[in-house]
Amino acid sequence: MGRFKAWFLDQFGVLHDGKSPYPGAISTLEKLAKTGAKMVIIINSSRRASVTLEKMRSLSFDPSLFAGTITSGELTHQYLQRT
């Protein structure tokens, strides 16, 4: 892992194409997780974080590999809850 404490990963176009994982994506994430890397999915989507994690699960990604998910929709939801 070296000098990086966290990895922020966009999902569409980086981890998958919307229909299937890119070759090596899952095994790379598993290897990073074994080093103690903290990985966070980021996406500019109106969806909530839980929906994003379900999408990842449906594409055979293990949601436990990720420390969290940040989406535009989740941030908007949290902001509206506070106001």
Protein backbone atom coordinates (compact mmCIF):
# COMPACT_ATOMS: atom_id res chain seq x y z
CA MET A 1 0.00 0.00 0.00
CA GLY A 2 2.90 2.34 0.63
CA ARG A 3 2.15 5.99 1.07
CA PHE A 4 -1.55 5.84 0.21
CA LYS A 5 -4.03 5.58 3.08
CA ALA A 6 -7.17 5.55 0.97
CA TRP A 7 -8.18 4.91 -2.60
CA PHE A 8 -11.09 6.82 -4.11
CA LEU A 9 -12.44 4.84 -7.05
CA ASP A 10 -15.00 5.91 -9.61
CA GLN A 11 -17.15 2.95 -10.52
CA PHE A 12 -18.42 3.52 -14.07
CA GLY A 13 -15.62 3.28 -16.58
CA VAL A 14 -13.07 2.32 -13.94
CA LEU A 15 -14.37 -0.81 -12.18
CA HIS A 16 -17.14 -1.84 -14.59
CA ASP A 17 -18.98 -0.88 -17.76
CA GLY A 18 -22.46 -1.01 -16.20
CA LYS A 19 -22.98 -4.63 -17.19
CA SER A 20 -19.88 -6.47 -16.01
CA PRO A 21 -16.63 -5.87 -14.12
CA TYR A 22 -13.57 -4.98 -16.14
CA PRO A 23 -11.02 -7.78 -16.35
CA GLY A 24 -8.90 -7.84 -13.21
CA ALA A 25 -10.97 -5.25 -11.35
CA ILE A 26 -12.25 -7.59 -8.64
CA SER A 27 -8.93 -9.37 -8.10
CA THR A 28 -7.12 -6.02 -7.91
CA LEU A 29 -9.54 -4.75 -5.25
CA GLU A 30 -9.12 -7.98 -3.29
CA LYS A 31 -5.33 -7.60 -3.41
CA LEU A 32 -5.55 -3.99 -2.28
CA ALA A 33 -7.86 -4.98 0.59
CA LYS A 34 -5.32 -7.57 1.78
CA THR A 35 -2.75 -4.77 2.13
CA GLY A 36 -5.12 -2.86 4.41
CA ALA A 37 -6.07 -0.31 1.77
CA LYS A 38 -9.24 1.65 2.47
CA MET A 39 -11.27 1.97 -0.71
CA VAL A 40 -14.18 4.33 -1.26
CA ILE A 41 -16.46 4.38 -4.28
CA ILE A 42 -17.17 7.85 -5.62
CA ILE A 43 -19.76 8.57 -8.27
CA ASN A 44 -21.62 11.57 -9.60
CA SER A 45 -25.02 9.89 -9.43
CA SER A 46 -28.35 10.84 -7.93
CA ARG A 47 -28.56 7.39 -6.35
CA ARG A 48 -28.11 6.77 -2.65
CA ALA A 49 -24.97 5.01 -1.41
CA SER A 50 -26.89 1.82 -0.55
CA VAL A 51 -28.18 1.55 -4.13
CA THR A 52 -24.65 1.92 -5.44
CA LEU A 53 -23.39 -0.86 -3.18
CA GLU A 54 -26.25 -3.11 -4.33
CA LYS A 55 -25.29 -2.43 -7.94
CA MET A 56 -21.71 -3.41 -7.13
CA ARG A 57 -22.94 -6.60 -5.45
CA SER A 58 -25.04 -7.45 -8.52
CA LEU A 59 -21.86 -7.15 -10.60
CA SER A 60 -20.05 -9.64 -8.30
CA PHE A 61 -18.10 -7.06 -6.28
CA ASP A 62 -17.96 -7.75 -2.54
CA PRO A 63 -19.33 -4.61 -0.84
CA SER A 64 -17.23 -5.35 2.25
CA LEU A 65 -14.15 -4.41 0.21
CA PHE A 66 -15.24 -0.77 0.39
CA ALA A 67 -14.95 1.51 3.39
CA GLY A 68 -17.81 3.54 2.00
CA THR A 69 -19.55 5.13 -0.94
CA ILE A 70 -19.90 8.79 -1.79
CA THR A 71 -22.58 9.74 -4.31
CA SER A 72 -24.07 13.09 -5.25
CA GLY A 73 -27.46 11.71 -4.28
CA GLU A 74 -26.25 10.59 -0.86
CA LEU A 75 -24.65 13.96 -0.13
CA THR A 76 -27.82 15.75 -1.23
CA HIS A 77 -29.96 13.47 0.94
CA GLN A 78 -27.75 14.07 3.98
CA TYR A 79 -27.80 17.83 3.39
CA LEU A 80 -31.59 17.89 3.13
CA GLN A 81 -31.90 15.86 6.33
CA ARG A 82 -29.87 18.49 8.20
CA THR A 83 -31.89 21.47 6.98
